[in-house]
Amino acid sequence: MNTEWVRIVDCTYQTETTGYRYETPVIHLFVRDENWNRHHILIDTFQPYFLVRESEWHDVGDAFAADDRVQRIETTDRRGRAEQALDGEQLFRVVCTVPGDVADLREMVDNPMEADVLFPQRFLIDMATTQWIQISTDALHTTGMVSTDDITIPSPATDGNVPDTVPPLRHCIYDIEVQQSREGPAVVSETGTENASNPITAISAYDSYTMEYHLWILTHTEWTQTDIEAVQSVAETVDVPVETHVYERPQDVVSGFCNFIDNRRFDSLIGWNAGSFDHPYLINYGLQHTYQDIQQLSPAGTVYQMNGDGRWGSLDGRMLLDLMDLYEQTKVHELDSKRLQAVAESEGIAVGKLDITETIDVPDDAVSAIDYAHHDHPTVFVEYSLRDTQACVGIITESQRNVSIV
């Protein structure tokens, strides 16, 4: 069997019924090969389980054997080795139908073992002793289901063949701008982010592989053709490669960005304070306005509603990272300020966050400086959006000189 080394990037699962006699958990494994190509592998032969000590088995064994949620009882692991506790006691492996069965059936035992391990982590513990695994070439390049038999777990005999170069993750570093409003909760509040009712007016993004910037801009209804042309030519006035996309409808701004994420097969989305704003607002806005393309953010096609500060809800198969949190973890002392502009300045980033009020005169009665720039100064608005992402890229680049934060 021809095999290839791949680096594991992410792992999740979904429960499927179509094409199966009973509910079946399907592992979604995301990897990158030695050429940095990303692959999405589907595995339907790995099943959830937990372990029961022999001393307890005498009381519960018959009940487990008669339970429809139990697929089978085993006394050996997948390599054929006897299941034993560290003290040598015999263990019985209770193989269940779906991961939720483990949480229910464990209650029948006083001391269940490894019943608190989440299903994707269970797969990684059993199938990947390192970040590298070997998988058959046919399985790696198929779009169908793959068996655990197609995966070779690294061993001392094969560890020496692990590739020297680790394929880096492909990050999309991005930032969104949202139209403000005098009515209702502030957009950046927890309620405003959860409601996500105001249109997204701009998205800027950076591809860590190609080192290119992209902008998706919503035109204002009062922009002239000259304004639009000035925005479209922003690449001529900045010192970085940038491609600008201008749209008249908010849904096209979101769709354009989602298509970009899907086509380039990013491993993560990352932004400053994105966990509390950009991630949940983008996802909630797309879901609440029923934009189908929002599902492209997830390579598994599953995007969940998020609450206003990102504490729950997410998407499957692509990591959502917060640069502010990651950066703060690298610092011994608490940050004097968590504002993007302040951190960029402290790191000596040449391109920091643009202060609109220092660039143009903003009327006192303006809803916000950003909205005023969007209405009256389109090129300033575009530069502001781009600068936020540039500052994030600069912070990552500078930080990685000392410690890798992504």
Protein backbone atom coordinates (compact mmCIF):
# COMPACT_ATOMS: atom_id res chain seq x y z
CA MET A 1 0.00 0.00 0.00
CA ASN A 2 1.45 3.35 -1.05
CA THR A 3 1.21 5.90 1.74
CA GLU A 4 1.86 9.60 2.24
CA TRP A 5 2.76 11.61 5.32
CA VAL A 6 0.28 14.32 6.30
CA ARG A 7 0.18 16.80 9.15
CA ILE A 8 -3.07 16.92 11.13
CA VAL A 9 -4.61 20.39 11.23
CA ASP A 10 -8.06 19.90 12.73
CA CYS A 11 -10.58 17.20 13.59
CA THR A 12 -14.33 17.29 14.10
CA TYR A 13 -17.30 15.01 13.46
CA GLN A 14 -20.91 14.91 12.34
CA THR A 15 -23.58 12.27 12.86
CA GLU A 16 -25.01 10.92 9.58
CA THR A 17 -28.09 8.81 8.82
CA THR A 18 -28.33 8.85 5.03
CA GLY A 19 -26.87 5.67 3.59
CA TYR A 20 -26.48 3.98 6.99
CA ARG A 21 -28.67 1.47 8.83
CA TYR A 22 -28.34 3.47 12.04
CA GLU A 23 -26.87 6.80 13.15
CA THR A 24 -23.17 6.84 12.35
CA PRO A 25 -20.54 9.36 13.49
CA VAL A 26 -18.30 10.50 10.64
CA ILE A 27 -14.90 11.95 11.48
CA HIS A 28 -13.88 15.01 9.42
CA LEU A 29 -10.09 15.08 9.46
CA PHE A 30 -8.28 18.08 7.96
CA VAL A 31 -4.62 17.64 7.03
CA ARG A 32 -1.87 19.17 4.92
CA ASP A 33 0.54 17.07 2.90
CA GLU A 34 4.25 17.70 2.39
CA ASN A 35 3.46 20.05 -0.50
CA TRP A 36 1.23 22.15 1.80
CA ASN A 37 -1.96 21.00 0.04
CA ARG A 38 -4.98 20.77 2.34
CA HIS A 39 -7.12 17.60 2.33
CA HIS A 40 -10.51 16.84 3.88
CA ILE A 41 -10.74 13.18 4.89
CA LEU A 42 -14.01 11.48 5.89
CA ILE A 43 -13.78 8.41 8.18
CA ASP A 44 -16.86 6.39 9.14
CA THR A 45 -15.28 3.34 10.79
CA PHE A 46 -14.16 4.89 14.07
CA GLN A 47 -16.68 4.44 16.88
CA PRO A 48 -17.06 6.02 20.32
CA TYR A 49 -16.32 3.95 23.40
CA PHE A 50 -15.41 3.98 27.06
CA LEU A 51 -13.88 1.43 29.44
CA VAL A 52 -15.23 -0.43 32.45
CA ARG A 53 -13.15 -2.22 35.08
CA GLU A 54 -13.67 -5.97 35.53
CA SER A 55 -14.56 -5.40 39.18
CA GLU A 56 -17.63 -3.41 38.06
CA TRP A 57 -18.38 -5.41 34.95
CA HIS A 58 -20.00 -8.28 36.89
CA ASP A 59 -22.79 -5.91 37.96
CA VAL A 60 -23.41 -4.10 34.66
CA GLY A 61 -22.18 -6.40 31.88
CA ASP A 62 -25.54 -7.99 31.13
CA ALA A 63 -27.28 -4.61 31.04
CA PHE A 64 -24.72 -3.24 28.57
CA ALA A 65 -24.97 -6.33 26.38
CA ALA A 66 -28.76 -5.91 26.15
CA ASP A 67 -28.69 -2.15 25.44
CA ASP A 68 -29.41 -1.17 21.80
CA ARG A 69 -26.97 1.72 22.08
CA VAL A 70 -24.06 -0.67 22.58
CA GLN A 71 -22.61 -1.99 19.33
CA ARG A 72 -20.30 -4.56 20.91
CA ILE A 73 -18.09 -5.36 23.88
CA GLU A 74 -14.33 -5.79 23.36
CA THR A 75 -11.44 -6.83 25.59
CA THR A 76 -8.62 -5.74 23.26
CA ASP A 77 -7.66 -2.45 21.62
CA ARG A 78 -7.50 -1.88 17.85
CA ARG A 79 -3.97 -3.32 17.77
CA GLY A 80 -5.13 -6.53 19.39
CA ARG A 81 -3.52 -5.82 22.75
CA ALA A 82 -5.37 -6.70 25.95
CA GLU A 83 -7.22 -3.78 27.51
CA GLN A 84 -5.76 -3.27 30.97
CA ALA A 85 -5.66 -0.53 33.57
CA LEU A 86 -2.30 0.71 34.85
CA ASP A 87 -2.71 -1.58 37.86
CA GLY A 88 -3.18 -4.58 35.55
CA GLU A 89 -6.93 -5.01 36.03
CA GLN A 90 -8.87 -6.26 32.98
CA LEU A 91 -10.91 -3.60 31.18
CA PHE A 92 -13.98 -4.02 28.99
CA ARG A 93 -14.39 -1.66 26.05
CA VAL A 94 -18.03 -0.59 25.56
CA VAL A 95 -18.37 0.46 21.91
CA CYS A 96 -21.37 2.75 21.39
CA THR A 97 -23.41 3.89 18.41
CA VAL A 98 -22.96 7.66 18.68
CA PRO A 99 -20.83 9.86 20.97
CA GLY A 100 -23.85 10.98 22.98
CA ASP A 101 -24.40 7.37 24.09
CA VAL A 102 -21.12 7.46 26.01
CA ALA A 103 -22.37 10.32 28.19
CA ASP A 104 -25.61 8.43 28.93
CA LEU A 105 -24.21 4.94 29.49
CA ARG A 106 -21.34 6.06 31.70
CA GLU A 107 -23.94 6.83 34.37
CA MET A 108 -24.48 3.08 34.83
CA VAL A 109 -20.93 2.73 36.18
CA ASP A 110 -19.41 4.19 39.35
CA ASN A 111 -15.94 4.55 37.87
CA PRO A 112 -16.07 4.69 34.04
CA MET A 113 -12.69 5.15 32.38
CA GLU A 114 -11.96 7.62 29.57
CA ALA A 115 -15.66 8.43 29.28
CA ASP A 116 -15.02 12.18 29.48
CA VAL A 117 -12.83 12.29 26.35
CA LEU A 118 -14.58 14.11 23.50
CA PHE A 119 -15.05 12.04 20.37
CA PRO A 120 -12.65 13.95 18.05
CA GLN A 121 -9.98 13.87 20.76
CA ARG A 122 -10.64 10.16 21.23
CA PHE A 123 -9.88 9.64 17.54
CA LEU A 124 -6.66 11.66 17.72
CA ILE A 125 -5.46 9.88 20.86
CA ASP A 126 -6.00 6.48 19.27
CA MET A 127 -4.92 7.24 15.71
CA ALA A 128 -2.27 9.95 15.92
CA THR A 129 0.52 9.72 18.48
CA THR A 130 2.12 12.79 16.86
CA GLN A 131 0.90 15.57 14.57
CA TRP A 132 1.92 13.34 11.64
CA ILE A 133 0.18 10.24 10.33
CA GLN A 134 0.58 8.10 7.23
CA ILE A 135 -2.42 7.50 5.02
CA SER A 136 -2.83 5.48 1.87
CA THR A 137 -2.49 7.54 -1.31
CA ASP A 138 -5.86 6.33 -2.60
CA ALA A 139 -7.60 7.33 0.65
CA LEU A 140 -5.93 10.74 0.71
CA HIS A 141 -7.17 11.65 -2.75
CA THR A 142 -10.68 10.20 -2.62
CA THR A 143 -13.84 12.21 -1.99
CA GLY A 144 -15.55 9.18 -0.45
CA MET A 145 -15.38 7.54 2.95
CA VAL A 146 -12.08 6.27 4.32
CA SER A 147 -11.44 3.45 6.80
CA THR A 148 -9.17 3.57 9.83
CA ASP A 149 -7.33 0.68 8.10
CA ASP A 150 -6.08 3.25 5.57
CA ILE A 151 -4.23 5.12 8.34
CA THR A 152 -0.88 4.04 9.71
CA ILE A 153 -0.12 5.18 13.23
CA PRO A 154 3.50 6.34 13.59
CA SER A 155 5.71 4.00 15.59
CA PRO A 156 9.36 4.10 16.71
CA ALA A 157 10.17 2.26 13.46
CA THR A 158 8.57 4.94 11.27
CA ASP A 159 9.17 8.10 13.33
CA GLY A 160 12.54 8.55 11.65
CA ASN A 161 10.78 9.00 8.30
CA VAL A 162 8.60 11.89 9.47
CA PRO A 163 9.12 14.88 7.12
CA ASP A 164 11.57 17.46 8.37
CA THR A 165 9.54 20.43 7.12
CA VAL A 166 6.19 21.03 8.80
CA PRO A 167 3.61 22.53 6.40
CA PRO A 168 2.54 25.86 7.94
CA LEU A 169 -1.09 26.61 8.58
CA ARG A 170 -2.77 28.89 6.07
CA HIS A 171 -4.24 31.83 7.97
CA CYS A 172 -6.74 34.41 6.75
CA ILE A 173 -6.10 37.52 8.83
CA TYR A 174 -9.13 39.75 8.47
CA ASP A 175 -11.22 42.62 9.81
CA ILE A 176 -14.82 43.73 9.23
CA GLU A 177 -16.46 47.16 9.36
CA VAL A 178 -20.14 47.47 10.25
CA GLN A 179 -22.56 50.34 9.71
CA GLN A 180 -23.35 52.03 13.01
CA SER A 181 -26.80 53.16 14.13
CA ARG A 182 -28.35 55.56 16.62
CA GLU A 183 -31.18 53.08 17.24
CA GLY A 184 -31.00 49.90 19.29
CA PRO A 185 -27.93 48.51 21.06
CA ALA A 186 -24.49 49.53 19.91
CA VAL A 187 -23.20 47.29 17.14
CA VAL A 188 -20.13 46.29 19.15
CA SER A 189 -22.12 45.40 22.27
CA GLU A 190 -22.92 41.77 23.06
CA THR A 191 -26.57 42.25 22.10
CA GLY A 192 -25.72 44.18 18.95
CA THR A 193 -23.20 41.56 17.85
CA GLU A 194 -25.65 38.75 18.50
CA ASN A 195 -28.48 40.51 16.65
CA ALA A 196 -26.13 41.41 13.78
CA SER A 197 -28.77 43.51 12.03
CA ASN A 198 -26.59 46.25 10.50
CA PRO A 199 -24.90 45.67 7.14
CA ILE A 200 -21.22 44.85 6.88
CA THR A 201 -19.68 47.70 4.89
CA ALA A 202 -16.15 46.39 4.39
CA ILE A 203 -14.01 43.30 4.87
CA SER A 204 -10.24 43.34 4.53
CA ALA A 205 -8.18 40.15 4.47
CA TYR A 206 -4.62 38.87 4.15
CA ASP A 207 -3.54 35.46 2.83
CA SER A 208 -0.56 34.16 4.83
CA TYR A 209 0.51 31.92 1.90
CA THR A 210 0.44 34.45 -0.95
CA MET A 211 1.00 37.54 1.26
CA GLU A 212 -1.73 39.38 -0.67
CA TYR A 213 -4.43 41.67 0.66
CA HIS A 214 -8.05 41.70 -0.51
CA LEU A 215 -10.82 44.21 0.13
CA TRP A 216 -14.57 43.74 -0.23
CA ILE A 217 -16.26 47.14 -0.09
CA LEU A 218 -19.95 48.11 0.03
CA THR A 219 -20.70 51.23 -2.00
CA HIS A 220 -22.63 54.02 -0.36
CA THR A 221 -25.85 55.00 -2.13
CA GLU A 222 -24.51 58.53 -2.63
CA TRP A 223 -21.13 57.58 -4.08
CA THR A 224 -20.41 58.92 -7.54
CA GLN A 225 -18.69 56.96 -10.28
CA THR A 226 -15.55 58.92 -9.42
CA ASP A 227 -15.78 57.68 -5.83
CA ILE A 228 -16.12 54.09 -6.99
CA GLU A 229 -13.17 54.39 -9.35
CA ALA A 230 -11.05 55.91 -6.55
CA VAL A 231 -11.88 52.97 -4.28
CA GLN A 232 -11.15 50.45 -7.02
CA SER A 233 -7.74 52.00 -7.61
CA VAL A 234 -6.69 51.93 -3.96
CA ALA A 235 -3.98 49.40 -4.87
CA GLU A 236 -2.10 52.22 -6.60
CA THR A 237 -1.83 54.26 -3.39
CA VAL A 238 -0.66 51.62 -0.90
CA ASP A 239 2.64 49.79 -0.63
CA VAL A 240 1.22 46.25 -0.48
CA PRO A 241 -0.36 44.01 -3.14
CA VAL A 242 -4.12 44.39 -2.75
CA GLU A 243 -7.13 43.42 -4.85
CA THR A 244 -10.30 45.44 -4.34
CA HIS A 245 -13.86 44.20 -4.94
CA VAL A 246 -16.70 46.76 -4.84
CA TYR A 247 -20.36 45.76 -4.49
CA GLU A 248 -23.72 47.49 -4.25
CA ARG A 249 -25.37 44.83 -2.03
CA PRO A 250 -24.25 43.79 1.49
CA GLN A 251 -24.84 40.12 0.71
CA ASP A 252 -22.32 40.30 -2.13
CA VAL A 253 -19.66 41.64 0.26
CA VAL A 254 -20.21 38.67 2.57
CA SER A 255 -20.49 36.16 -0.29
CA GLY A 256 -17.32 37.41 -1.93
CA PHE A 257 -15.38 36.95 1.27
CA CYS A 258 -16.85 33.50 1.98
CA ASN A 259 -15.99 32.33 -1.54
CA PHE A 260 -12.44 33.56 -0.98
CA ILE A 261 -12.18 31.54 2.25
CA ASP A 262 -13.55 28.41 0.63
CA ASN A 263 -11.50 28.62 -2.57
CA ARG A 264 -8.20 29.14 -0.74
CA ARG A 265 -8.89 26.40 1.83
CA PHE A 266 -7.70 28.37 4.84
CA ASP A 267 -7.01 26.58 8.12
CA SER A 268 -8.07 29.51 10.27
CA LEU A 269 -9.69 32.93 10.43
CA ILE A 270 -7.88 35.32 12.74
CA GLY A 271 -8.41 38.96 13.73
CA TRP A 272 -7.91 41.41 16.58
CA ASN A 273 -10.62 40.91 19.22
CA ALA A 274 -12.29 38.73 16.59
CA GLY A 275 -13.58 36.25 19.17
CA SER A 276 -15.81 38.94 20.67
CA PHE A 277 -16.79 40.76 17.49
CA ASP A 278 -15.67 39.88 13.96
CA HIS A 279 -16.29 36.10 14.16
CA PRO A 280 -19.73 36.21 15.80
CA TYR A 281 -20.93 39.26 13.88
CA LEU A 282 -19.93 37.86 10.49
CA ILE A 283 -21.49 34.46 11.19
CA ASN A 284 -24.66 35.81 12.82
CA TYR A 285 -25.17 38.39 10.07
CA GLY A 286 -24.89 35.74 7.36
CA LEU A 287 -27.19 33.29 9.15
CA GLN A 288 -29.83 35.82 10.14
CA HIS A 289 -30.03 37.16 6.59
CA THR A 290 -30.06 33.59 5.21
CA TYR A 291 -27.04 34.10 2.98
CA GLN A 292 -26.31 30.58 1.76
CA ASP A 293 -22.66 31.36 1.08
CA ILE A 294 -22.01 31.78 4.83
CA GLN A 295 -21.93 27.98 4.98
CA GLN A 296 -18.73 28.08 2.93
CA LEU A 297 -16.89 29.30 6.00
CA SER A 298 -17.10 25.68 7.17
CA PRO A 299 -15.47 23.05 4.94
CA ALA A 300 -17.89 20.60 6.55
CA GLY A 301 -20.83 22.87 5.64
CA THR A 302 -21.87 23.41 9.26
CA VAL A 303 -22.01 26.94 10.70
CA TYR A 304 -23.61 27.62 14.07
CA GLN A 305 -25.17 30.77 15.49
CA MET A 306 -22.82 32.47 17.97
CA ASN A 307 -23.67 34.53 21.00
CA GLY A 308 -22.59 38.15 21.27
CA ASP A 309 -19.20 37.55 22.83
CA GLY A 310 -18.32 34.35 21.00
CA ARG A 311 -18.59 32.04 24.01
CA TRP A 312 -20.65 29.44 22.16
CA GLY A 313 -21.42 28.57 18.56
CA SER A 314 -18.84 28.26 15.84
CA LEU A 315 -18.21 26.34 12.64
CA ASP A 316 -16.80 22.92 11.84
CA GLY A 317 -13.44 22.35 10.18
CA ARG A 318 -11.88 25.79 10.35
CA MET A 319 -10.34 27.40 13.42
CA LEU A 320 -11.55 30.78 14.67
CA LEU A 321 -8.65 32.53 16.42
CA ASP A 322 -8.45 35.81 18.33
CA LEU A 323 -5.12 37.56 17.83
CA MET A 324 -5.65 39.74 20.90
CA ASP A 325 -5.92 36.67 23.14
CA LEU A 326 -3.00 34.92 21.45
CA TYR A 327 -0.82 38.01 21.72
CA GLU A 328 -1.71 38.58 25.37
CA GLN A 329 -0.64 35.01 26.20
CA THR A 330 2.90 35.80 25.01
CA LYS A 331 3.29 38.70 27.44
CA VAL A 332 4.54 38.31 31.00
CA HIS A 333 2.89 41.53 32.14
CA GLU A 334 -0.67 42.65 31.54
CA LEU A 335 -1.05 44.91 28.51
CA ASP A 336 -1.37 48.62 29.24
CA SER A 337 -3.96 48.80 26.48
CA LYS A 338 -5.61 46.12 24.37
CA ARG A 339 -6.48 48.52 21.58
CA LEU A 340 -5.04 47.48 18.24
CA GLN A 341 -3.46 50.89 17.64
CA ALA A 342 -1.71 50.88 21.03
CA VAL A 343 -0.31 47.38 20.59
CA ALA A 344 0.85 48.13 17.04
CA GLU A 345 2.68 51.21 18.30
CA SER A 346 4.27 49.28 21.17
CA GLU A 347 5.58 46.72 18.68
CA GLY A 348 6.95 49.44 16.41
CA ILE A 349 4.65 48.50 13.54
CA ALA A 350 5.15 51.01 10.72
CA VAL A 351 1.58 50.60 9.51
CA GLY A 352 -0.71 50.98 12.49
CA LYS A 353 -4.42 51.53 12.83
CA LEU A 354 -5.59 54.71 11.08
CA ASP A 355 -7.19 57.38 13.28
CA ILE A 356 -9.99 58.78 11.13
CA THR A 357 -10.55 61.83 13.32
CA GLU A 358 -6.91 62.87 12.83
CA THR A 359 -7.19 62.41 9.06
CA ILE A 360 -10.47 64.20 8.31
CA ASP A 361 -12.78 66.61 10.13
CA VAL A 362 -15.70 64.56 11.47
CA PRO A 363 -18.86 66.57 12.31
CA ASP A 364 -20.04 66.40 15.91
CA ASP A 365 -23.45 65.10 14.81
CA ALA A 366 -22.04 62.18 12.82
CA VAL A 367 -23.27 58.74 13.93
CA SER A 368 -19.67 57.55 13.87
CA ALA A 369 -16.38 58.54 12.28
CA ILE A 370 -16.33 55.29 10.28
CA ASP A 371 -19.81 55.88 8.85
CA TYR A 372 -18.96 59.47 8.01
CA ALA A 373 -15.82 58.37 6.17
CA HIS A 374 -17.84 55.72 4.32
CA HIS A 375 -20.30 58.39 3.20
CA ASP A 376 -18.05 61.38 2.47
CA HIS A 377 -14.48 60.10 2.22
CA PRO A 378 -14.49 56.67 0.54
CA THR A 379 -10.74 56.35 0.11
CA VAL A 380 -10.12 57.17 3.79
CA PHE A 381 -12.72 54.56 4.72
CA VAL A 382 -11.00 51.95 2.55
CA GLU A 383 -7.57 52.79 3.93
CA TYR A 384 -8.95 52.53 7.48
CA SER A 385 -10.28 49.04 6.79
CA LEU A 386 -7.03 47.89 5.19
CA ARG A 387 -4.87 49.38 7.95
CA ASP A 388 -6.55 47.25 10.63
CA THR A 389 -5.56 44.05 8.86
CA GLN A 390 -2.09 45.39 8.07
CA ALA A 391 -1.58 46.15 11.76
CA CYS A 392 -2.57 42.58 12.66
CA VAL A 393 -0.17 41.16 10.09
CA GLY A 394 2.58 43.38 11.47
CA ILE A 395 1.94 42.24 15.05
CA ILE A 396 2.06 38.57 14.01
CA THR A 397 5.24 39.08 12.00
CA GLU A 398 6.97 40.97 14.80
CA SER A 399 5.85 38.54 17.49
CA GLN A 400 7.07 35.53 15.54
CA ARG A 401 10.59 36.91 15.70
CA ASN A 402 10.53 35.94 19.37
CA VAL A 403 7.72 33.38 19.77
CA SER A 404 5.22 31.85 17.37
CA ILE A 405 1.69 32.90 18.25
CA VAL A 406 -0.03 31.26 15.24
